[in-house]
């Protein structure tokens, strides 16, 4: 199972290393704590660059709580710090944007045969260096177990960003990801993300290779 996931990892690494001038990096580290009764605490950090592990221009840190109200319904509330730096170097000052976000989220999921369909709605209350702003996000995803015996899944996601002010539409974000879960507490992800921005004022960039690690501290009832 590790050999198969390593093949996907090396494929992404080799392809995007050769196109490093136009492809950035998107790195995710996520920690979750299972509290029982459907509640989960989470914390996440992200680090992004406009070129392949060069010209780092963005980082975010966020944390919050999830509540699984139903097997197909997850409710979340989180707060985070998001900083975007000037292009052309690593963490170039002055910053393009610095903000605090508070966001509630609803995620609906449904399994149809071997496919898992996810629809995520998020409302962001953004306290930015340019003033207060609202934003609304909707992500639709389909996940399929390409190697179910090895816990390897393929996910395809598309997310739309809207605001209540002109021009209303801000961004489209599309990604293809491979997930590997060697056990109940750990999960790894590699993928590719493309985004189209329309008059956006925060994190920029068009193409990214994604790498993520997710760790869950399980409650005793789940051991």
N, C-alpha and C. Protein backbone atom coordinates (compact mmCIF):
# COMPACT_ATOMS: atom_id res chain seq x y z
N UNK A 1 0.83 -1.21 0.00
CA UNK A 1 0.00 0.00 0.00
C UNK A 1 0.86 1.26 0.00
N UNK A 2 1.96 1.25 0.78
CA UNK A 2 2.85 2.40 0.82
C UNK A 2 3.53 2.59 -0.53
N UNK A 3 3.84 1.49 -1.22
CA UNK A 3 4.49 1.58 -2.52
C UNK A 3 3.60 2.30 -3.52
N UNK A 4 2.30 1.99 -3.49
CA UNK A 4 1.38 2.62 -4.43
C UNK A 4 1.26 4.11 -4.16
N UNK A 5 1.13 4.49 -2.88
CA UNK A 5 1.02 5.91 -2.55
C UNK A 5 2.32 6.63 -2.88
N UNK A 6 3.46 5.98 -2.64
CA UNK A 6 4.76 6.59 -2.96
C UNK A 6 4.88 6.85 -4.45
N UNK A 7 4.28 5.97 -5.27
CA UNK A 7 4.30 6.18 -6.72
C UNK A 7 3.58 7.47 -7.09
N UNK A 8 2.40 7.70 -6.47
CA UNK A 8 1.68 8.95 -6.72
C UNK A 8 2.50 10.14 -6.26
N UNK A 9 3.14 10.02 -5.10
CA UNK A 9 3.93 11.13 -4.55
C UNK A 9 5.08 11.48 -5.48
N UNK A 10 5.81 10.47 -5.95
CA UNK A 10 6.95 10.72 -6.83
C UNK A 10 6.49 11.28 -8.18
N UNK A 11 5.32 10.84 -8.64
CA UNK A 11 4.79 11.37 -9.88
C UNK A 11 4.54 12.86 -9.77
N UNK A 12 3.84 13.28 -8.71
CA UNK A 12 3.59 14.71 -8.50
C UNK A 12 4.90 15.46 -8.34
N UNK A 13 5.84 14.90 -7.56
CA UNK A 13 7.10 15.57 -7.29
C UNK A 13 7.89 15.81 -8.57
N UNK A 14 8.01 14.78 -9.41
CA UNK A 14 8.82 14.90 -10.62
C UNK A 14 8.17 15.82 -11.66
N UNK A 15 6.85 15.71 -11.82
CA UNK A 15 6.16 16.53 -12.81
C UNK A 15 6.27 18.01 -12.47
N UNK A 16 6.02 18.35 -11.21
CA UNK A 16 5.95 19.76 -10.86
C UNK A 16 7.32 20.36 -10.55
N UNK A 17 8.30 19.52 -10.25
CA UNK A 17 9.66 20.04 -10.08
C UNK A 17 10.18 20.58 -11.41
N UNK A 18 9.81 19.93 -12.53
CA UNK A 18 10.27 20.38 -13.84
C UNK A 18 9.55 21.64 -14.29
N UNK A 19 8.40 21.96 -13.69
CA UNK A 19 7.66 23.17 -14.05
C UNK A 19 7.62 24.14 -12.87
N UNK A 20 8.69 24.17 -12.09
CA UNK A 20 8.72 24.93 -10.86
C UNK A 20 8.55 26.43 -11.03
N UNK A 21 8.82 26.94 -12.26
CA UNK A 21 8.69 28.37 -12.47
C UNK A 21 7.23 28.81 -12.48
N UNK A 22 6.32 27.88 -12.78
CA UNK A 22 4.91 28.25 -12.88
C UNK A 22 4.04 27.53 -11.86
N UNK A 23 4.62 26.63 -11.07
CA UNK A 23 3.85 25.85 -10.11
C UNK A 23 4.39 26.08 -8.71
N UNK A 24 3.50 26.43 -7.79
CA UNK A 24 3.89 26.67 -6.42
C UNK A 24 3.65 25.45 -5.54
N UNK A 25 3.93 25.60 -4.26
CA UNK A 25 3.72 24.53 -3.29
C UNK A 25 2.66 24.95 -2.29
N UNK A 26 1.89 23.96 -1.83
CA UNK A 26 0.78 24.18 -0.91
C UNK A 26 0.88 23.09 0.15
N UNK A 27 1.28 23.43 1.36
CA UNK A 27 1.60 22.46 2.40
C UNK A 27 0.64 22.59 3.57
N UNK A 28 0.14 21.44 4.05
CA UNK A 28 -0.89 21.41 5.08
C UNK A 28 -0.46 20.48 6.20
N UNK A 29 -0.61 20.94 7.44
CA UNK A 29 -0.40 20.12 8.63
C UNK A 29 -1.64 20.28 9.51
N UNK A 30 -2.34 19.17 9.77
CA UNK A 30 -3.62 19.22 10.47
C UNK A 30 -3.61 18.27 11.65
N UNK A 31 -4.09 18.76 12.80
CA UNK A 31 -4.20 17.95 14.01
C UNK A 31 -5.63 17.99 14.50
N UNK A 32 -6.19 16.82 14.83
CA UNK A 32 -7.53 16.72 15.35
C UNK A 32 -7.53 15.95 16.67
N UNK A 33 -8.43 16.34 17.55
CA UNK A 33 -8.59 15.65 18.84
C UNK A 33 -10.04 15.22 18.96
N UNK A 34 -10.26 13.91 19.07
CA UNK A 34 -11.60 13.37 19.18
C UNK A 34 -12.08 13.51 20.63
N UNK A 35 -13.22 14.17 20.81
CA UNK A 35 -13.75 14.42 22.14
C UNK A 35 -14.95 13.53 22.50
N UNK A 36 -15.31 12.60 21.62
CA UNK A 36 -16.51 11.77 21.80
C UNK A 36 -17.77 12.58 21.58
N UNK A 37 -18.90 11.89 21.56
CA UNK A 37 -20.22 12.52 21.41
C UNK A 37 -20.32 13.38 20.15
N UNK A 38 -19.52 13.06 19.14
CA UNK A 38 -19.60 13.76 17.88
C UNK A 38 -18.77 15.02 17.76
N UNK A 39 -18.06 15.42 18.83
CA UNK A 39 -17.27 16.65 18.82
C UNK A 39 -15.80 16.35 18.53
N UNK A 40 -15.17 17.23 17.75
CA UNK A 40 -13.75 17.13 17.42
C UNK A 40 -13.14 18.52 17.42
N UNK A 41 -12.01 18.68 18.10
CA UNK A 41 -11.23 19.91 18.01
C UNK A 41 -10.22 19.76 16.88
N UNK A 42 -9.89 20.86 16.20
CA UNK A 42 -8.88 20.77 15.15
C UNK A 42 -8.04 22.05 15.12
N UNK A 43 -6.80 21.87 14.67
CA UNK A 43 -5.88 22.99 14.42
C UNK A 43 -5.14 22.68 13.13
N UNK A 44 -4.89 23.73 12.34
CA UNK A 44 -4.24 23.51 11.04
C UNK A 44 -3.34 24.67 10.68
N UNK A 45 -2.21 24.36 10.10
CA UNK A 45 -1.31 25.36 9.55
C UNK A 45 -1.08 25.09 8.08
N UNK A 46 -0.98 26.16 7.29
CA UNK A 46 -0.69 26.03 5.87
C UNK A 46 0.42 27.00 5.48
N UNK A 47 1.26 26.54 4.57
CA UNK A 47 2.37 27.35 4.05
C UNK A 47 2.39 27.19 2.54
N UNK A 48 2.38 28.32 1.80
CA UNK A 48 2.29 28.27 0.35
C UNK A 48 3.38 29.12 -0.29
N UNK A 49 3.78 28.69 -1.49
CA UNK A 49 4.77 29.45 -2.25
C UNK A 49 4.32 29.56 -3.70
N UNK A 50 4.77 30.62 -4.38
CA UNK A 50 4.38 30.85 -5.76
C UNK A 50 5.21 30.04 -6.75
N UNK A 51 6.41 29.64 -6.35
CA UNK A 51 7.23 28.74 -7.14
C UNK A 51 7.45 27.47 -6.32
N UNK A 52 8.03 26.45 -6.95
CA UNK A 52 8.15 25.15 -6.30
C UNK A 52 9.12 25.23 -5.11
N UNK A 53 8.55 25.41 -3.92
CA UNK A 53 9.29 25.58 -2.68
C UNK A 53 10.28 26.74 -2.75
N UNK A 54 9.79 27.82 -3.35
CA UNK A 54 10.52 29.07 -3.39
C UNK A 54 9.50 30.20 -3.53
N UNK A 55 9.89 31.39 -3.13
CA UNK A 55 8.99 32.55 -3.10
C UNK A 55 7.75 32.28 -2.23
N UNK A 56 8.02 31.94 -0.97
CA UNK A 56 6.93 31.72 -0.02
C UNK A 56 6.23 33.05 0.25
N UNK A 57 4.92 33.05 0.09
CA UNK A 57 4.18 34.32 0.11
C UNK A 57 2.93 34.28 0.99
N UNK A 58 2.64 33.12 1.62
CA UNK A 58 1.37 33.02 2.33
C UNK A 58 1.46 31.97 3.44
N UNK A 59 0.86 32.29 4.58
CA UNK A 59 0.68 31.27 5.62
C UNK A 59 -0.61 31.55 6.38
N UNK A 60 -1.15 30.50 6.93
CA UNK A 60 -2.37 30.62 7.73
C UNK A 60 -2.31 29.64 8.89
N UNK A 61 -2.97 30.04 9.99
CA UNK A 61 -3.10 29.20 11.18
C UNK A 61 -4.53 29.33 11.66
N UNK A 62 -5.18 28.20 11.83
CA UNK A 62 -6.59 28.24 12.24
C UNK A 62 -6.90 27.09 13.17
N UNK A 63 -7.98 27.25 13.93
CA UNK A 63 -8.42 26.21 14.83
C UNK A 63 -9.90 26.35 15.09
N UNK A 64 -10.53 25.23 15.48
CA UNK A 64 -11.96 25.29 15.72
C UNK A 64 -12.50 23.98 16.23
N UNK A 65 -13.80 23.82 16.08
CA UNK A 65 -14.50 22.63 16.58
C UNK A 65 -15.47 22.12 15.53
N UNK A 66 -15.53 20.80 15.40
CA UNK A 66 -16.50 20.14 14.53
C UNK A 66 -17.52 19.41 15.38
N UNK A 67 -18.74 19.34 14.87
CA UNK A 67 -19.78 18.54 15.52
C UNK A 67 -20.49 17.72 14.45
N UNK A 68 -20.44 16.41 14.60
CA UNK A 68 -21.10 15.52 13.66
C UNK A 68 -22.54 15.32 14.11
N UNK A 69 -23.43 16.16 13.59
CA UNK A 69 -24.83 16.13 13.99
C UNK A 69 -25.55 14.91 13.45
N UNK A 70 -25.05 14.36 12.35
CA UNK A 70 -25.64 13.20 11.68
C UNK A 70 -24.52 12.54 10.90
N UNK A 71 -24.68 11.28 10.54
CA UNK A 71 -23.61 10.61 9.80
C UNK A 71 -23.29 11.30 8.48
N UNK A 72 -24.26 12.09 7.97
CA UNK A 72 -24.05 12.80 6.71
C UNK A 72 -23.96 14.31 6.89
N UNK A 73 -23.86 14.78 8.12
CA UNK A 73 -23.87 16.23 8.37
C UNK A 73 -22.82 16.61 9.41
N UNK A 74 -21.90 17.51 9.03
CA UNK A 74 -20.87 18.01 9.93
C UNK A 74 -20.99 19.53 10.04
N UNK A 75 -21.07 20.03 11.28
CA UNK A 75 -21.12 21.46 11.55
C UNK A 75 -19.80 21.89 12.16
N UNK A 76 -19.29 23.06 11.74
CA UNK A 76 -17.99 23.53 12.22
C UNK A 76 -18.03 25.02 12.52
N UNK A 77 -17.14 25.43 13.43
CA UNK A 77 -16.89 26.83 13.72
C UNK A 77 -15.40 26.99 13.97
N UNK A 78 -14.79 28.00 13.32
CA UNK A 78 -13.34 28.15 13.44
C UNK A 78 -12.95 29.61 13.35
N UNK A 79 -11.72 29.89 13.78
CA UNK A 79 -11.13 31.22 13.68
C UNK A 79 -9.68 31.04 13.24
N UNK A 80 -9.17 31.99 12.46
CA UNK A 80 -7.80 31.83 11.99
C UNK A 80 -7.14 33.14 11.65
N UNK A 81 -5.82 33.09 11.49
CA UNK A 81 -4.97 34.22 11.11
C UNK A 81 -4.39 33.91 9.73
N UNK A 82 -4.56 34.85 8.79
CA UNK A 82 -4.19 34.63 7.39
C UNK A 82 -3.34 35.81 6.92
N UNK A 83 -2.14 35.52 6.39
CA UNK A 83 -1.22 36.59 5.96
C UNK A 83 -0.71 36.33 4.56
N UNK A 84 -0.78 37.36 3.72
CA UNK A 84 -0.29 37.30 2.35
C UNK A 84 0.81 38.34 2.17
N UNK A 85 1.95 37.90 1.61
CA UNK A 85 3.10 38.76 1.42
C UNK A 85 3.26 39.16 -0.05
N UNK A 86 4.10 40.14 -0.30
CA UNK A 86 4.36 40.59 -1.67
C UNK A 86 5.02 39.48 -2.49
N UNK A 87 4.80 39.52 -3.78
CA UNK A 87 5.42 38.57 -4.68
C UNK A 87 6.88 38.95 -4.95
N UNK A 88 7.66 37.95 -5.39
CA UNK A 88 9.03 38.22 -5.79
C UNK A 88 10.10 37.74 -4.84
N UNK A 89 9.72 37.19 -3.69
CA UNK A 89 10.71 36.72 -2.73
C UNK A 89 10.04 35.89 -1.66
N UNK A 90 10.77 35.62 -0.59
CA UNK A 90 10.23 34.85 0.52
C UNK A 90 9.78 35.79 1.63
N UNK A 91 8.47 35.82 1.86
CA UNK A 91 7.86 36.65 2.90
C UNK A 91 8.28 38.11 2.76
N UNK A 92 8.13 38.64 1.53
CA UNK A 92 8.50 40.01 1.23
C UNK A 92 7.53 40.99 1.90
N UNK A 93 8.07 42.00 2.54
CA UNK A 93 7.27 43.04 3.17
C UNK A 93 7.22 44.28 2.28
N UNK A 94 6.18 45.12 2.41
CA UNK A 94 5.05 44.96 3.33
C UNK A 94 4.06 43.90 2.85
N UNK A 95 3.21 43.43 3.76
CA UNK A 95 2.23 42.43 3.41
C UNK A 95 1.16 43.00 2.48
N UNK A 96 0.69 42.16 1.57
CA UNK A 96 -0.45 42.54 0.75
C UNK A 96 -1.74 42.55 1.55
N UNK A 97 -1.83 41.63 2.50
CA UNK A 97 -3.04 41.53 3.30
C UNK A 97 -2.75 40.76 4.58
N UNK A 98 -3.40 41.18 5.65
CA UNK A 98 -3.32 40.47 6.93
C UNK A 98 -4.72 40.48 7.53
N UNK A 99 -5.20 39.30 7.89
CA UNK A 99 -6.58 39.27 8.34
C UNK A 99 -6.84 38.18 9.38
N UNK A 100 -7.91 38.39 10.12
CA UNK A 100 -8.50 37.41 11.03
C UNK A 100 -9.82 36.99 10.41
N UNK A 101 -10.06 35.69 10.36
CA UNK A 101 -11.33 35.19 9.83
C UNK A 101 -12.06 34.36 10.89
N UNK A 102 -13.34 34.58 10.96
CA UNK A 102 -14.23 33.74 11.75
C UNK A 102 -15.20 33.10 10.78
N UNK A 103 -15.30 31.77 10.81
CA UNK A 103 -16.17 31.13 9.82
C UNK A 103 -16.92 29.90 10.35
N UNK A 104 -18.25 29.95 10.23
CA UNK A 104 -19.07 28.75 10.42
C UNK A 104 -19.13 27.97 9.11
N UNK A 105 -19.33 26.67 9.24
CA UNK A 105 -19.31 25.81 8.05
C UNK A 105 -20.29 24.64 8.21
N UNK A 106 -20.91 24.27 7.10
CA UNK A 106 -21.79 23.09 7.04
C UNK A 106 -21.28 22.18 5.94
N UNK A 107 -21.08 20.90 6.26
CA UNK A 107 -20.64 19.94 5.26
C UNK A 107 -21.63 18.78 5.20
N UNK A 108 -22.17 18.53 4.02
CA UNK A 108 -23.13 17.46 3.79
C UNK A 108 -22.45 16.40 2.93
N UNK A 109 -22.59 15.14 3.32
CA UNK A 109 -21.97 14.06 2.55
C UNK A 109 -23.00 12.95 2.30
N UNK A 110 -22.77 12.22 1.23
CA UNK A 110 -23.66 11.12 0.87
C UNK A 110 -22.88 10.10 0.07
N UNK A 111 -23.07 8.82 0.39
CA UNK A 111 -22.41 7.75 -0.35
C UNK A 111 -23.36 7.15 -1.36
N UNK A 112 -22.91 7.06 -2.60
CA UNK A 112 -23.68 6.46 -3.68
C UNK A 112 -22.80 5.39 -4.32
N UNK A 113 -23.15 4.12 -4.09
CA UNK A 113 -22.30 3.00 -4.47
C UNK A 113 -20.92 3.19 -3.83
N UNK A 114 -19.86 3.27 -4.62
CA UNK A 114 -18.53 3.45 -4.05
C UNK A 114 -18.12 4.92 -3.99
N UNK A 115 -18.96 5.80 -4.50
CA UNK A 115 -18.64 7.22 -4.53
C UNK A 115 -19.13 7.92 -3.26
N UNK A 116 -18.29 8.83 -2.75
CA UNK A 116 -18.70 9.69 -1.64
C UNK A 116 -18.80 11.12 -2.17
N UNK A 117 -19.98 11.70 -2.06
CA UNK A 117 -20.23 13.06 -2.53
C UNK A 117 -20.21 14.00 -1.33
N UNK A 118 -19.46 15.09 -1.42
CA UNK A 118 -19.39 16.09 -0.35
C UNK A 118 -19.78 17.46 -0.89
N UNK A 119 -20.56 18.18 -0.10
CA UNK A 119 -20.90 19.56 -0.44
C UNK A 119 -20.68 20.41 0.81
N UNK A 120 -19.75 21.37 0.70
CA UNK A 120 -19.33 22.17 1.85
C UNK A 120 -19.68 23.64 1.65
N UNK A 121 -20.37 24.21 2.63
CA UNK A 121 -20.74 25.62 2.60
C UNK A 121 -20.03 26.34 3.75
N UNK A 122 -19.36 27.45 3.43
CA UNK A 122 -18.64 28.21 4.47
C UNK A 122 -18.92 29.70 4.30
N UNK A 123 -19.18 30.37 5.42
CA UNK A 123 -19.33 31.83 5.45
C UNK A 123 -18.15 32.42 6.21
N UNK A 124 -17.40 33.31 5.57
CA UNK A 124 -16.22 33.90 6.21
C UNK A 124 -16.49 35.36 6.57
N UNK A 125 -16.30 35.65 7.85
CA UNK A 125 -16.33 37.03 8.34
C UNK A 125 -14.89 37.48 8.46
N UNK A 126 -14.45 38.39 7.58
CA UNK A 126 -13.05 38.69 7.37
C UNK A 126 -12.69 40.10 7.89
N UNK A 127 -11.83 40.14 8.87
CA UNK A 127 -11.33 41.40 9.41
C UNK A 127 -9.94 41.63 8.80
N UNK A 128 -9.90 42.33 7.67
CA UNK A 128 -8.69 42.44 6.87
C UNK A 128 -8.01 43.79 7.10
N UNK A 129 -6.79 43.91 6.56
CA UNK A 129 -6.06 45.17 6.65
C UNK A 129 -6.69 46.24 5.77
N UNK A 130 -7.64 45.84 4.89
CA UNK A 130 -8.39 46.81 4.08
C UNK A 130 -9.81 47.03 4.60
N UNK A 131 -10.10 46.49 5.78
CA UNK A 131 -11.43 46.65 6.37
C UNK A 131 -12.20 45.34 6.43
N UNK A 132 -13.41 45.41 6.95
CA UNK A 132 -14.23 44.21 7.12
C UNK A 132 -14.86 43.79 5.79
N UNK A 133 -14.88 42.46 5.54
CA UNK A 133 -15.47 41.91 4.32
C UNK A 133 -16.14 40.58 4.63
N UNK A 134 -17.15 40.26 3.82
CA UNK A 134 -17.79 38.95 3.88
C UNK A 134 -17.39 38.13 2.66
N UNK A 135 -17.39 36.81 2.83
CA UNK A 135 -17.17 35.94 1.68
C UNK A 135 -17.92 34.63 1.91
N UNK A 136 -18.38 34.04 0.80
CA UNK A 136 -19.17 32.82 0.86
C UNK A 136 -18.54 31.80 -0.08
N UNK A 137 -18.33 30.58 0.43
CA UNK A 137 -17.63 29.55 -0.33
C UNK A 137 -18.48 28.28 -0.41
N UNK A 138 -18.46 27.65 -1.57
CA UNK A 138 -19.17 26.40 -1.77
C UNK A 138 -18.25 25.43 -2.51
N UNK A 139 -17.93 24.30 -1.85
CA UNK A 139 -17.05 23.30 -2.45
C UNK A 139 -17.81 21.98 -2.64
N UNK A 140 -17.77 21.49 -3.87
CA UNK A 140 -18.37 20.20 -4.20
C UNK A 140 -17.26 19.22 -4.51
N UNK A 141 -17.33 18.03 -3.91
CA UNK A 141 -16.29 17.05 -4.12
C UNK A 141 -16.82 15.65 -4.31
N UNK A 142 -16.06 14.84 -5.06
CA UNK A 142 -16.38 13.43 -5.26
C UNK A 142 -15.13 12.62 -4.91
N UNK A 143 -15.29 11.62 -4.06
CA UNK A 143 -14.17 10.78 -3.61
C UNK A 143 -14.46 9.33 -3.98
N UNK A 144 -13.44 8.66 -4.54
CA UNK A 144 -13.62 7.28 -4.99
C UNK A 144 -12.43 6.43 -4.52
N UNK A 145 -12.68 5.24 -3.95
CA UNK A 145 -11.57 4.37 -3.49
C UNK A 145 -10.92 3.65 -4.66
N UNK A 146 -9.81 4.16 -5.15
CA UNK A 146 -9.15 3.55 -6.31
C UNK A 146 -8.44 2.25 -5.93
N UNK A 147 -7.93 2.17 -4.69
CA UNK A 147 -7.35 0.94 -4.15
C UNK A 147 -7.93 0.73 -2.75
N UNK A 148 -9.17 0.24 -2.66
CA UNK A 148 -9.82 0.13 -1.36
C UNK A 148 -9.11 -0.79 -0.38
N UNK A 149 -8.43 -1.82 -0.90
CA UNK A 149 -7.73 -2.75 -0.01
C UNK A 149 -6.54 -2.08 0.66
N UNK A 150 -6.06 -0.98 0.08
CA UNK A 150 -4.91 -0.26 0.64
C UNK A 150 -5.31 1.09 1.24
N UNK A 151 -6.61 1.36 1.31
CA UNK A 151 -7.11 2.64 1.85
C UNK A 151 -6.55 3.84 1.08
N UNK A 152 -6.53 3.74 -0.25
CA UNK A 152 -6.09 4.83 -1.12
C UNK A 152 -7.30 5.32 -1.91
N UNK A 153 -7.56 6.63 -1.83
CA UNK A 153 -8.73 7.21 -2.48
C UNK A 153 -8.32 8.35 -3.39
N UNK A 154 -9.14 8.59 -4.41
CA UNK A 154 -8.95 9.71 -5.31
C UNK A 154 -10.10 10.69 -5.11
N UNK A 155 -9.76 11.98 -4.93
CA UNK A 155 -10.77 13.00 -4.73
C UNK A 155 -10.66 14.11 -5.76
N UNK A 156 -11.80 14.57 -6.27
CA UNK A 156 -11.86 15.69 -7.21
C UNK A 156 -12.79 16.74 -6.60
N UNK A 157 -12.29 17.99 -6.50
CA UNK A 157 -13.03 19.04 -5.81
C UNK A 157 -13.06 20.31 -6.66
N UNK A 158 -14.17 21.04 -6.55
CA UNK A 158 -14.26 22.37 -7.15
C UNK A 158 -14.96 23.30 -6.17
N UNK A 159 -14.35 24.49 -5.95
CA UNK A 159 -14.88 25.43 -4.97
C UNK A 159 -15.05 26.81 -5.59
N UNK A 160 -16.20 27.42 -5.33
CA UNK A 160 -16.52 28.76 -5.79
C UNK A 160 -16.50 29.73 -4.63
N UNK A 161 -15.97 30.95 -4.87
CA UNK A 161 -15.88 32.00 -3.87
C UNK A 161 -16.74 33.18 -4.32
N UNK A 162 -17.62 33.65 -3.42
CA UNK A 162 -18.48 34.79 -3.72
C UNK A 162 -18.40 35.81 -2.58
N UNK A 163 -18.80 37.04 -2.89
CA UNK A 163 -18.89 38.08 -1.89
C UNK A 163 -20.20 38.84 -2.10
N UNK A 164 -20.60 39.62 -1.11
CA UNK A 164 -21.85 40.37 -1.24
C UNK A 164 -21.64 41.75 -1.86
N UNK A 165 -20.43 42.03 -2.33
CA UNK A 165 -20.12 43.28 -3.02
C UNK A 165 -19.64 42.99 -4.44
N UNK A 166 -19.78 43.97 -5.32
CA UNK A 166 -19.27 43.80 -6.68
C UNK A 166 -17.76 43.55 -6.63
N UNK A 167 -17.28 42.62 -7.46
CA UNK A 167 -17.94 41.96 -8.59
C UNK A 167 -18.67 40.66 -8.22
N UNK A 168 -18.84 40.39 -6.92
CA UNK A 168 -19.56 39.23 -6.40
C UNK A 168 -18.77 37.93 -6.54
N UNK A 169 -18.44 37.53 -7.77
CA UNK A 169 -17.62 36.33 -7.96
C UNK A 169 -16.15 36.69 -7.78
N UNK A 170 -15.43 35.90 -6.96
CA UNK A 170 -14.02 36.19 -6.70
C UNK A 170 -13.06 35.12 -7.24
N UNK A 171 -13.44 33.83 -7.09
CA UNK A 171 -12.43 32.79 -7.37
C UNK A 171 -13.10 31.46 -7.68
N UNK A 172 -12.44 30.69 -8.55
CA UNK A 172 -12.76 29.27 -8.74
C UNK A 172 -11.51 28.46 -8.43
N UNK A 173 -11.67 27.40 -7.63
CA UNK A 173 -10.53 26.59 -7.20
C UNK A 173 -10.84 25.12 -7.48
N UNK A 174 -9.98 24.48 -8.29
CA UNK A 174 -10.17 23.09 -8.68
C UNK A 174 -8.96 22.27 -8.23
N UNK A 175 -9.21 21.07 -7.70
CA UNK A 175 -8.09 20.24 -7.25
C UNK A 175 -8.38 18.76 -7.47
N UNK A 176 -7.30 18.01 -7.69
CA UNK A 176 -7.33 16.55 -7.78
C UNK A 176 -6.35 16.04 -6.73
N UNK A 177 -6.81 15.15 -5.85
CA UNK A 177 -6.00 14.71 -4.72
C UNK A 177 -6.04 13.20 -4.55
N UNK A 178 -4.94 12.65 -4.07
CA UNK A 178 -4.86 11.24 -3.70
C UNK A 178 -4.65 11.17 -2.19
N UNK A 179 -5.49 10.37 -1.51
CA UNK A 179 -5.44 10.24 -0.06
C UNK A 179 -5.03 8.82 0.31
N UNK A 180 -4.16 8.73 1.31
CA UNK A 180 -3.72 7.42 1.82
C UNK A 180 -3.88 7.42 3.33
N UNK A 181 -4.63 6.44 3.84
CA UNK A 181 -4.90 6.36 5.27
C UNK A 181 -4.38 5.02 5.79
N UNK A 182 -3.14 5.01 6.32
CA UNK A 182 -2.56 3.74 6.79
C UNK A 182 -3.19 3.23 8.07
N UNK A 183 -3.89 4.10 8.81
CA UNK A 183 -4.54 3.70 10.05
C UNK A 183 -5.56 4.74 10.45
N UNK A 184 -6.33 4.48 11.51
CA UNK A 184 -7.39 5.42 11.91
C UNK A 184 -6.89 6.78 12.37
N UNK A 185 -5.62 6.89 12.74
CA UNK A 185 -5.11 8.14 13.30
C UNK A 185 -4.34 8.99 12.31
N UNK A 186 -3.94 8.44 11.16
CA UNK A 186 -3.07 9.17 10.25
C UNK A 186 -3.60 9.11 8.81
N UNK A 187 -3.39 10.23 8.10
CA UNK A 187 -3.78 10.31 6.71
C UNK A 187 -2.82 11.22 5.97
N UNK A 188 -2.48 10.85 4.73
CA UNK A 188 -1.57 11.63 3.89
C UNK A 188 -2.29 12.01 2.60
N UNK A 189 -1.88 13.13 2.02
CA UNK A 189 -2.50 13.63 0.80
C UNK A 189 -1.46 14.25 -0.11
N UNK A 190 -1.55 13.94 -1.41
CA UNK A 190 -0.80 14.65 -2.44
C UNK A 190 -1.78 15.03 -3.54
N UNK A 191 -1.51 16.13 -4.23
CA UNK A 191 -2.45 16.53 -5.27
C UNK A 191 -1.98 17.74 -6.04
N UNK A 192 -2.87 18.19 -6.91
CA UNK A 192 -2.63 19.37 -7.74
C UNK A 192 -3.85 20.28 -7.64
N UNK A 193 -3.59 21.58 -7.49
CA UNK A 193 -4.67 22.57 -7.37
C UNK A 193 -4.45 23.69 -8.37
N UNK A 194 -5.54 24.07 -9.04
CA UNK A 194 -5.54 25.21 -9.96
C UNK A 194 -6.61 26.19 -9.52
N UNK A 195 -6.28 27.48 -9.53
CA UNK A 195 -7.30 28.46 -9.17
C UNK A 195 -7.29 29.64 -10.14
N UNK A 196 -8.49 30.14 -10.39
CA UNK A 196 -8.69 31.32 -11.21
C UNK A 196 -9.21 32.43 -10.31
N UNK A 197 -8.51 33.57 -10.29
CA UNK A 197 -8.88 34.70 -9.44
C UNK A 197 -9.46 35.82 -10.28
N UNK A 198 -10.48 36.46 -9.72
CA UNK A 198 -11.05 37.64 -10.36
C UNK A 198 -11.08 38.77 -9.34
N UNK A 199 -10.13 39.71 -9.47
CA UNK A 199 -10.05 40.87 -8.58
C UNK A 199 -10.00 40.44 -7.10
N UNK A 200 -9.10 39.49 -6.82
CA UNK A 200 -8.93 39.01 -5.45
C UNK A 200 -7.89 39.88 -4.75
N UNK A 201 -7.97 39.97 -3.42
CA UNK A 201 -7.02 40.83 -2.71
C UNK A 201 -6.23 40.07 -1.65
N UNK A 202 -6.36 38.74 -1.64
CA UNK A 202 -5.58 37.98 -0.66
C UNK A 202 -4.68 37.00 -1.41
N UNK A 203 -4.49 35.81 -0.91
CA UNK A 203 -3.54 34.85 -1.45
C UNK A 203 -3.73 34.65 -2.95
N UNK A 204 -2.61 34.71 -3.70
CA UNK A 204 -2.65 34.59 -5.16
C UNK A 204 -1.91 33.34 -5.61
N UNK A 205 -1.79 33.18 -6.90
CA UNK A 205 -1.13 32.01 -7.47
C UNK A 205 -2.11 31.19 -8.28
N UNK A 206 -1.61 30.52 -9.31
CA UNK A 206 -2.50 29.77 -10.21
C UNK A 206 -2.42 28.27 -10.00
N UNK A 207 -1.22 27.70 -10.02
CA UNK A 207 -1.06 26.26 -9.92
C UNK A 207 -0.21 25.89 -8.71
N UNK A 208 -0.62 24.83 -8.02
CA UNK A 208 0.09 24.39 -6.82
C UNK A 208 0.13 22.86 -6.77
N UNK A 209 1.26 22.32 -6.33
CA UNK A 209 1.31 20.93 -5.91
C UNK A 209 1.01 20.91 -4.42
N UNK A 210 0.14 20.00 -4.00
CA UNK A 210 -0.31 19.96 -2.61
C UNK A 210 0.25 18.74 -1.89
N UNK A 211 0.68 18.97 -0.65
CA UNK A 211 1.13 17.88 0.23
C UNK A 211 0.52 18.13 1.61
N UNK A 212 -0.13 17.12 2.18
CA UNK A 212 -0.76 17.29 3.48
C UNK A 212 -0.59 16.09 4.38
N UNK A 213 -0.54 16.36 5.68
CA UNK A 213 -0.51 15.30 6.69
C UNK A 213 -1.56 15.62 7.75
N UNK A 214 -2.38 14.61 8.08
CA UNK A 214 -3.48 14.78 9.02
C UNK A 214 -3.35 13.73 10.13
N UNK A 215 -3.35 14.20 11.35
CA UNK A 215 -3.22 13.28 12.49
C UNK A 215 -4.38 13.51 13.45
N UNK A 216 -4.98 12.42 13.91
CA UNK A 216 -6.10 12.48 14.84
C UNK A 216 -5.73 11.78 16.13
N UNK A 217 -5.92 12.47 17.26
CA UNK A 217 -5.78 11.86 18.57
C UNK A 217 -7.14 11.25 18.92
N UNK A 218 -7.22 9.92 18.88
CA UNK A 218 -8.49 9.23 19.02
C UNK A 218 -8.91 9.12 20.48
N UNK A 219 -10.20 9.11 20.70
CA UNK A 219 -10.72 8.88 22.05
C UNK A 219 -10.55 7.41 22.40
N UNK A 220 -10.58 7.09 23.68
CA UNK A 220 -10.36 5.71 24.12
C UNK A 220 -11.42 4.78 23.58
N UNK A 221 -12.62 5.29 23.35
CA UNK A 221 -13.69 4.42 22.85
C UNK A 221 -13.43 3.92 21.45
N UNK A 222 -12.51 4.59 20.72
CA UNK A 222 -12.25 4.19 19.35
C UNK A 222 -11.00 3.37 19.18
N UNK A 223 -10.30 3.09 20.30
CA UNK A 223 -9.12 2.23 20.19
C UNK A 223 -9.56 0.77 20.15
